[in-house]
Amino acid sequence: MVKRPKFIKPPVEVQVQKKIEVKVASDTLEQTKTNPLEAEKTGSFGIMLPLVKPQPPQENSSQVPAKHPEMDKSVISAEELAANQIPHKDLGVLPVFKNYHPGAPTCRLYIKNCAKTVILKDLEYIYNRYRMPRGDMPDQFDIRLMQEGRMKGQAFVTLDSVELAQKALKETNGYILKDKPLVVVFARSAAQKEIIMSCLIKPNYHKCLSWLNLMIQKIC
């Protein structure tokens, strides 16, 4: 006979339930009774305030910067201008630039030698680059393309300042637009036209001499 070992029962752990007491101040109970709305937000651990989601900053339309001409795809870039412009030293080789002189600087440009297929949008694509309004000052930018009569193939561009017109003439004179180079000069002002007409119709030597001296100073 083989004796079996006695089975020893493992000790049983007796779990004692622990009581958790939460002490609530008496003044908190009184506030709960007097103001039931605050009771929903008030507990024994303090006042629970509702979460406020942060709102993203609103963009002010008045502070949005204006687009620079270089960033606008509807305006020609400086690289495209330079790539399609005849160097100034080579302009004298072409017959259209024979005896070329830009004239006295004004805010208006006179453009000649435009191709027959040139339309207003072609010139706007080039000269909108020099359209820069000055704050509250009215914008006098304007382009007029002559498409009929003896002035066909010529255009006038009015800019907001003489400085912009000088820059535009320097960068666009000799620009090849639809296989023809643009000839850009300064348009005569109303005062210059009046002096020239007075010299032709009724010679006034004093006016003519003063105008010639002014032109010589501009050239020199």
C-alpha atoms as a PDB file:
ATOM      1  CA  MET A   1       0.000   0.000   0.000  1.00  0.00           C
ATOM      2  CA  VAL A   2       1.346   3.432  -0.966  1.00  0.00           C
ATOM      3  CA  LYS A   3       0.440   6.197   1.360  1.00  0.00           C
ATOM      4  CA  ARG A   4      -0.865   9.312  -0.291  1.00  0.00           C
ATOM      5  CA  PRO A   5       0.326  12.651   1.016  1.00  0.00           C
ATOM      6  CA  LYS A   6      -2.185  14.633   2.850  1.00  0.00           C
ATOM      7  CA  PHE A   7      -3.719  17.534   0.881  1.00  0.00           C
ATOM      8  CA  ILE A   8      -3.082  20.798   2.623  1.00  0.00           C
ATOM      9  CA  LYS A   9      -5.522  23.550   1.777  1.00  0.00           C
ATOM     10  CA  PRO A  10      -3.925  26.946   1.038  1.00  0.00           C
ATOM     11  CA  PRO A  11      -4.723  29.637   3.457  1.00  0.00           C
ATOM     12  CA  VAL A  12      -7.646  31.766   2.377  1.00  0.00           C
ATOM     13  CA  GLU A  13      -7.040  35.501   2.420  1.00  0.00           C
ATOM     14  CA  VAL A  14      -9.930  37.369   3.824  1.00  0.00           C
ATOM     15  CA  GLN A  15     -10.429  40.679   2.063  1.00  0.00           C
ATOM     16  CA  VAL A  16     -11.652  43.391   4.309  1.00  0.00           C
ATOM     17  CA  GLN A  17     -13.596  46.107   2.604  1.00  0.00           C
ATOM     18  CA  LYS A  18     -12.226  49.523   3.379  1.00  0.00           C
ATOM     19  CA  LYS A  19     -14.510  52.432   3.757  1.00  0.00           C
ATOM     20  CA  ILE A  20     -13.629  55.711   2.006  1.00  0.00           C
ATOM     21  CA  GLU A  21     -14.978  58.733   3.719  1.00  0.00           C
ATOM     22  CA  VAL A  22     -15.262  62.028   1.909  1.00  0.00           C
ATOM     23  CA  LYS A  23     -15.602  65.009   4.108  1.00  0.00           C
ATOM     24  CA  VAL A  24     -17.595  67.883   2.663  1.00  0.00           C
ATOM     25  CA  ALA A  25     -17.428  71.247   4.269  1.00  0.00           C
ATOM     26  CA  SER A  26     -20.633  72.537   5.690  1.00  0.00           C
ATOM     27  CA  ASP A  27     -20.383  75.854   3.813  1.00  0.00           C
ATOM     28  CA  THR A  28     -20.241  73.931   0.518  1.00  0.00           C
ATOM     29  CA  LEU A  29     -23.510  72.166   1.310  1.00  0.00           C
ATOM     30  CA  GLU A  30     -25.140  75.472   2.150  1.00  0.00           C
ATOM     31  CA  GLN A  31     -23.991  76.987  -1.154  1.00  0.00           C
ATOM     32  CA  THR A  32     -25.350  73.938  -3.009  1.00  0.00           C
ATOM     33  CA  LYS A  33     -28.740  74.378  -1.438  1.00  0.00           C
ATOM     34  CA  THR A  34     -28.910  78.116  -2.084  1.00  0.00           C
ATOM     35  CA  ASN A  35     -27.623  78.040  -5.660  1.00  0.00           C
ATOM     36  CA  PRO A  36     -28.516  74.811  -7.524  1.00  0.00           C
ATOM     37  CA  LEU A  37     -26.861  76.013 -10.751  1.00  0.00           C
ATOM     38  CA  GLU A  38     -23.466  76.177  -9.117  1.00  0.00           C
ATOM     39  CA  ALA A  39     -23.993  72.739  -7.619  1.00  0.00           C
ATOM     40  CA  GLU A  40     -23.392  71.147 -10.993  1.00  0.00           C
ATOM     41  CA  LYS A  41     -19.975  72.770 -11.241  1.00  0.00           C
ATOM     42  CA  THR A  42     -18.999  72.451  -7.553  1.00  0.00           C
ATOM     43  CA  GLY A  43     -17.548  69.362  -5.871  1.00  0.00           C
ATOM     44  CA  SER A  44     -15.523  68.430  -2.915  1.00  0.00           C
ATOM     45  CA  PHE A  45     -12.328  68.984  -4.938  1.00  0.00           C
ATOM     46  CA  GLY A  46     -13.095  72.614  -5.847  1.00  0.00           C
ATOM     47  CA  ILE A  47     -14.949  74.454  -8.588  1.00  0.00           C
ATOM     48  CA  MET A  48     -14.742  72.907 -12.067  1.00  0.00           C
ATOM     49  CA  LEU A  49     -14.854  75.646 -14.696  1.00  0.00           C
ATOM     50  CA  PRO A  50     -15.950  74.866 -18.277  1.00  0.00           C
ATOM     51  CA  LEU A  51     -13.173  74.477 -20.824  1.00  0.00           C
ATOM     52  CA  VAL A  52     -12.835  77.319 -23.314  1.00  0.00           C
ATOM     53  CA  LYS A  53     -11.382  76.383 -26.694  1.00  0.00           C
ATOM     54  CA  PRO A  54      -8.837  78.917 -28.000  1.00  0.00           C
ATOM     55  CA  GLN A  55     -10.057  80.662 -31.141  1.00  0.00           C
ATOM     56  CA  PRO A  56      -7.651  81.041 -34.068  1.00  0.00           C
ATOM     57  CA  PRO A  57      -6.529  84.619 -34.749  1.00  0.00           C
ATOM     58  CA  GLN A  58      -8.722  86.362 -37.287  1.00  0.00           C
ATOM     59  CA  GLU A  59      -6.981  87.842 -40.289  1.00  0.00           C
ATOM     60  CA  ASN A  60      -7.578  91.511 -40.811  1.00  0.00           C
ATOM     61  CA  SER A  61      -8.315  92.203 -44.446  1.00  0.00           C
ATOM     62  CA  SER A  62      -6.944  95.730 -44.106  1.00  0.00           C
ATOM     63  CA  GLN A  63      -3.520  94.387 -43.133  1.00  0.00           C
ATOM     64  CA  VAL A  64      -3.163  91.914 -46.013  1.00  0.00           C
ATOM     65  CA  PRO A  65      -0.120  93.030 -48.026  1.00  0.00           C
ATOM     66  CA  ALA A  66      -0.605  93.757 -51.673  1.00  0.00           C
ATOM     67  CA  LYS A  67       0.883  91.421 -54.203  1.00  0.00           C
ATOM     68  CA  HIS A  68       4.201  92.409 -55.574  1.00  0.00           C
ATOM     69  CA  PRO A  69       4.401  92.413 -59.368  1.00  0.00           C
ATOM     70  CA  GLU A  70       7.080  89.675 -59.211  1.00  0.00           C
ATOM     71  CA  MET A  71       4.587  87.371 -57.427  1.00  0.00           C
ATOM     72  CA  ASP A  72       1.763  87.944 -59.902  1.00  0.00           C
ATOM     73  CA  LYS A  73       1.803  85.436 -62.772  1.00  0.00           C
ATOM     74  CA  SER A  74      -0.207  87.819 -64.976  1.00  0.00           C
ATOM     75  CA  VAL A  75       2.743  90.261 -65.004  1.00  0.00           C
ATOM     76  CA  ILE A  76       6.018  89.747 -66.848  1.00  0.00           C
ATOM     77  CA  SER A  77       9.054  88.897 -64.726  1.00  0.00           C
ATOM     78  CA  ALA A  78      12.456  90.589 -64.756  1.00  0.00           C
ATOM     79  CA  GLU A  79      14.044  87.412 -66.125  1.00  0.00           C
ATOM     80  CA  GLU A  80      11.657  87.264 -69.091  1.00  0.00           C
ATOM     81  CA  LEU A  81      12.201  90.946 -69.837  1.00  0.00           C
ATOM     82  CA  ALA A  82      15.977  90.591 -69.855  1.00  0.00           C
ATOM     83  CA  ALA A  83      15.889  87.389 -71.937  1.00  0.00           C
ATOM     84  CA  ASN A  84      13.855  88.983 -74.739  1.00  0.00           C
ATOM     85  CA  GLN A  85      15.418  92.452 -74.804  1.00  0.00           C
ATOM     86  CA  ILE A  86      18.019  93.497 -77.347  1.00  0.00           C
ATOM     87  CA  PRO A  87      21.161  94.842 -75.595  1.00  0.00           C
ATOM     88  CA  HIS A  88      21.346  98.638 -75.722  1.00  0.00           C
ATOM     89  CA  LYS A  89      24.744  98.555 -77.427  1.00  0.00           C
ATOM     90  CA  ASP A  90      23.218  96.602 -80.339  1.00  0.00           C
ATOM     91  CA  LEU A  91      20.128  98.774 -80.879  1.00  0.00           C
ATOM     92  CA  GLY A  92      21.891 101.104 -83.337  1.00  0.00           C
ATOM     93  CA  VAL A  93      22.326  98.244 -85.798  1.00  0.00           C
ATOM     94  CA  LEU A  94      18.566  98.045 -86.440  1.00  0.00           C
ATOM     95  CA  PRO A  95      16.990 100.582 -88.859  1.00  0.00           C
ATOM     96  CA  VAL A  96      14.079 101.312 -86.491  1.00  0.00           C
ATOM     97  CA  PHE A  97      16.550 102.674 -83.913  1.00  0.00           C
ATOM     98  CA  LYS A  98      18.389 104.949 -86.333  1.00  0.00           C
ATOM     99  CA  ASN A  99      18.699 108.446 -84.797  1.00  0.00           C
ATOM    100  CA  TYR A 100      16.955 107.153 -81.686  1.00  0.00           C
ATOM    101  CA  HIS A 101      16.593 109.529 -78.743  1.00  0.00           C
ATOM    102  CA  PRO A 102      14.303 108.934 -75.727  1.00  0.00           C
ATOM    103  CA  GLY A 103      13.394 112.628 -75.329  1.00  0.00           C
ATOM    104  CA  ALA A 104      12.690 114.620 -72.178  1.00  0.00           C
ATOM    105  CA  PRO A 105      11.461 112.417 -69.295  1.00  0.00           C
ATOM    106  CA  THR A 106       7.720 112.497 -68.613  1.00  0.00           C
ATOM    107  CA  CYS A 107       5.281 110.086 -66.996  1.00  0.00           C
ATOM    108  CA  ARG A 108       3.957 109.039 -70.424  1.00  0.00           C
ATOM    109  CA  LEU A 109       5.608 106.625 -72.856  1.00  0.00           C
ATOM    110  CA  TYR A 110       5.190 106.562 -76.624  1.00  0.00           C
ATOM    111  CA  ILE A 111       5.649 103.067 -78.091  1.00  0.00           C
ATOM    112  CA  LYS A 112       6.275 102.472 -81.791  1.00  0.00           C
ATOM    113  CA  ASN A 113       6.944  99.487 -84.062  1.00  0.00           C
ATOM    114  CA  CYS A 114       4.270  97.235 -82.538  1.00  0.00           C
ATOM    115  CA  ALA A 115       3.410  94.134 -84.532  1.00  0.00           C
ATOM    116  CA  LYS A 116       0.014  93.943 -86.228  1.00  0.00           C
ATOM    117  CA  THR A 117      -0.980  91.010 -84.023  1.00  0.00           C
ATOM    118  CA  VAL A 118      -0.265  92.858 -80.761  1.00  0.00           C
ATOM    119  CA  ILE A 119      -3.364  93.369 -78.623  1.00  0.00           C
ATOM    120  CA  LEU A 120      -4.003  95.390 -75.477  1.00  0.00           C
ATOM    121  CA  LYS A 121      -3.458  92.383 -73.179  1.00  0.00           C
ATOM    122  CA  ASP A 122       0.080  91.980 -74.527  1.00  0.00           C
ATOM    123  CA  LEU A 123       1.003  95.486 -73.433  1.00  0.00           C
ATOM    124  CA  GLU A 124      -0.812  95.094 -70.120  1.00  0.00           C
ATOM    125  CA  TYR A 125       1.211  91.949 -69.437  1.00  0.00           C
ATOM    126  CA  ILE A 126       4.404  94.001 -69.814  1.00  0.00           C
ATOM    127  CA  TYR A 127       3.541  97.394 -68.322  1.00  0.00           C
ATOM    128  CA  ASN A 128       1.401  96.233 -65.386  1.00  0.00           C
ATOM    129  CA  ARG A 129       4.796  95.518 -63.851  1.00  0.00           C
ATOM    130  CA  TYR A 130       5.195  99.277 -63.365  1.00  0.00           C
ATOM    131  CA  ARG A 131       1.722  99.865 -61.960  1.00  0.00           C
ATOM    132  CA  MET A 132       2.264 100.883 -58.327  1.00  0.00           C
ATOM    133  CA  PRO A 133      -0.497 103.073 -56.815  1.00  0.00           C
ATOM    134  CA  ARG A 134       0.661 105.494 -54.125  1.00  0.00           C
ATOM    135  CA  GLY A 135      -1.695 105.212 -51.143  1.00  0.00           C
ATOM    136  CA  ASP A 136      -4.698 107.534 -51.449  1.00  0.00           C
ATOM    137  CA  MET A 137      -3.425 109.123 -54.655  1.00  0.00           C
ATOM    138  CA  PRO A 138      -5.593 108.360 -57.708  1.00  0.00           C
ATOM    139  CA  ASP A 139      -4.193 105.794 -60.120  1.00  0.00           C
ATOM    140  CA  GLN A 140      -3.493 107.393 -63.520  1.00  0.00           C
ATOM    141  CA  PHE A 141      -2.171 104.197 -65.101  1.00  0.00           C
ATOM    142  CA  ASP A 142      -3.513 103.855 -68.633  1.00  0.00           C
ATOM    143  CA  ILE A 143      -2.622 102.067 -71.882  1.00  0.00           C
ATOM    144  CA  ARG A 144      -3.972 103.098 -75.281  1.00  0.00           C
ATOM    145  CA  LEU A 145      -3.206 100.965 -78.304  1.00  0.00           C
ATOM    146  CA  MET A 146      -3.920 102.507 -81.706  1.00  0.00           C
ATOM    147  CA  GLN A 147      -5.427  99.873 -84.003  1.00  0.00           C
ATOM    148  CA  GLU A 148      -6.775 102.032 -86.826  1.00  0.00           C
ATOM    149  CA  GLY A 149      -5.641 104.850 -89.082  1.00  0.00           C
ATOM    150  CA  ARG A 150      -2.122 106.182 -89.520  1.00  0.00           C
ATOM    151  CA  MET A 151      -1.360 105.661 -85.807  1.00  0.00           C
ATOM    152  CA  LYS A 152      -1.940 101.905 -86.076  1.00  0.00           C
ATOM    153  CA  GLY A 153       0.790  99.898 -84.372  1.00  0.00           C
ATOM    154  CA  GLN A 154       1.575 102.631 -81.849  1.00  0.00           C
ATOM    155  CA  ALA A 155       0.622 102.963 -78.196  1.00  0.00           C
ATOM    156  CA  PHE A 156       0.712 105.380 -75.254  1.00  0.00           C
ATOM    157  CA  VAL A 157       1.337 104.261 -71.657  1.00  0.00           C
ATOM    158  CA  THR A 158       0.681 106.616 -68.734  1.00  0.00           C
ATOM    159  CA  LEU A 159       2.381 105.778 -65.433  1.00  0.00           C
ATOM    160  CA  ASP A 160       2.093 107.235 -61.941  1.00  0.00           C
ATOM    161  CA  SER A 161       5.482 108.984 -61.864  1.00  0.00           C
ATOM    162  CA  VAL A 162       8.394 110.037 -64.030  1.00  0.00           C
ATOM    163  CA  GLU A 163      10.653 107.616 -62.134  1.00  0.00           C
ATOM    164  CA  LEU A 164       8.468 104.648 -63.050  1.00  0.00           C
ATOM    165  CA  ALA A 165       8.381 105.800 -66.677  1.00  0.00           C
ATOM    166  CA  GLN A 166      12.191 106.027 -66.766  1.00  0.00           C
ATOM    167  CA  LYS A 167      12.504 102.523 -65.358  1.00  0.00           C
ATOM    168  CA  ALA A 168       9.923 101.171 -67.816  1.00  0.00           C
ATOM    169  CA  LEU A 169      11.691 102.763 -70.787  1.00  0.00           C
ATOM    170  CA  LYS A 170      15.057 101.344 -69.733  1.00  0.00           C
ATOM    171  CA  GLU A 171      13.685  97.813 -69.296  1.00  0.00           C
ATOM    172  CA  THR A 172      11.264  97.608 -72.255  1.00  0.00           C
ATOM    173  CA  ASN A 173      12.973  99.566 -75.023  1.00  0.00           C
ATOM    174  CA  GLY A 174      14.115  96.954 -77.535  1.00  0.00           C
ATOM    175  CA  TYR A 175      11.930  94.211 -76.054  1.00  0.00           C
ATOM    176  CA  ILE A 176      10.965  91.746 -78.793  1.00  0.00           C
ATOM    177  CA  LEU A 177       7.182  91.377 -78.779  1.00  0.00           C
ATOM    178  CA  LYS A 178       5.848  88.997 -81.426  1.00  0.00           C
ATOM    179  CA  ASP A 179       9.036  89.112 -83.514  1.00  0.00           C
ATOM    180  CA  LYS A 180       9.321  92.924 -83.527  1.00  0.00           C
ATOM    181  CA  PRO A 181      11.353  95.105 -81.123  1.00  0.00           C
ATOM    182  CA  LEU A 182       9.450  97.825 -79.287  1.00  0.00           C
ATOM    183  CA  VAL A 183      10.726 101.383 -79.769  1.00  0.00           C
ATOM    184  CA  VAL A 184       9.969 103.241 -76.540  1.00  0.00           C
ATOM    185  CA  VAL A 185      10.434 106.987 -76.039  1.00  0.00           C
ATOM    186  CA  PHE A 186       9.001 109.597 -73.696  1.00  0.00           C
ATOM    187  CA  ALA A 187       5.800 111.181 -74.976  1.00  0.00           C
ATOM    188  CA  ARG A 188       5.798 114.959 -75.239  1.00  0.00           C
ATOM    189  CA  SER A 189       3.912 116.829 -72.557  1.00  0.00           C
ATOM    190  CA  ALA A 190       1.199 119.378 -73.339  1.00  0.00           C
ATOM    191  CA  ALA A 191       3.577 122.280 -72.615  1.00  0.00           C
ATOM    192  CA  GLN A 192       6.200 120.935 -75.021  1.00  0.00           C
ATOM    193  CA  LYS A 193       3.595 120.493 -77.769  1.00  0.00           C
ATOM    194  CA  GLU A 194       2.378 124.063 -77.263  1.00  0.00           C
ATOM    195  CA  ILE A 195       5.901 125.482 -77.597  1.00  0.00           C
ATOM    196  CA  ILE A 196       6.595 123.463 -80.745  1.00  0.00           C
ATOM    197  CA  MET A 197       3.316 124.514 -82.368  1.00  0.00           C
ATOM    198  CA  SER A 198       3.912 128.175 -81.501  1.00  0.00           C
ATOM    199  CA  CYS A 199       7.378 127.980 -83.075  1.00  0.00           C
ATOM    200  CA  LEU A 200       5.979 126.449 -86.263  1.00  0.00           C
ATOM    201  CA  ILE A 201       2.899 128.649 -86.677  1.00  0.00           C
ATOM    202  CA  LYS A 202       4.129 131.990 -85.324  1.00  0.00           C
ATOM    203  CA  PRO A 203       7.856 131.958 -84.707  1.00  0.00           C
ATOM    204  CA  ASN A 204       8.739 133.134 -81.219  1.00  0.00           C
ATOM    205  CA  TYR A 205      12.476 133.010 -80.875  1.00  0.00           C
ATOM    206  CA  HIS A 206      12.548 133.510 -77.125  1.00  0.00           C
ATOM    207  CA  LYS A 207      10.267 130.531 -76.514  1.00  0.00           C
ATOM    208  CA  CYS A 208      12.117 128.401 -79.037  1.00  0.00           C
ATOM    209  CA  LEU A 209      15.503 129.232 -77.517  1.00  0.00           C
ATOM    210  CA  SER A 210      14.290 128.510 -73.983  1.00  0.00           C
ATOM    211  CA  TRP A 211      12.843 125.171 -75.091  1.00  0.00           C
ATOM    212  CA  LEU A 212      16.040 124.242 -76.954  1.00  0.00           C
ATOM    213  CA  ASN A 213      18.166 125.135 -73.929  1.00  0.00           C
ATOM    214  CA  LEU A 214      15.948 122.973 -71.754  1.00  0.00           C
ATOM    215  CA  MET A 215      16.290 120.030 -74.161  1.00  0.00           C
ATOM    216  CA  ILE A 216      20.083 120.447 -74.278  1.00  0.00           C
ATOM    217  CA  GLN A 217      20.236 120.406 -70.447  1.00  0.00           C
ATOM    218  CA  LYS A 218      18.137 117.227 -70.379  1.00  0.00           C
ATOM    219  CA  ILE A 219      20.417 115.537 -72.899  1.00  0.00           C
ATOM    220  CA  CYS A 220      23.632 116.609 -71.187  1.00  0.00           C
END
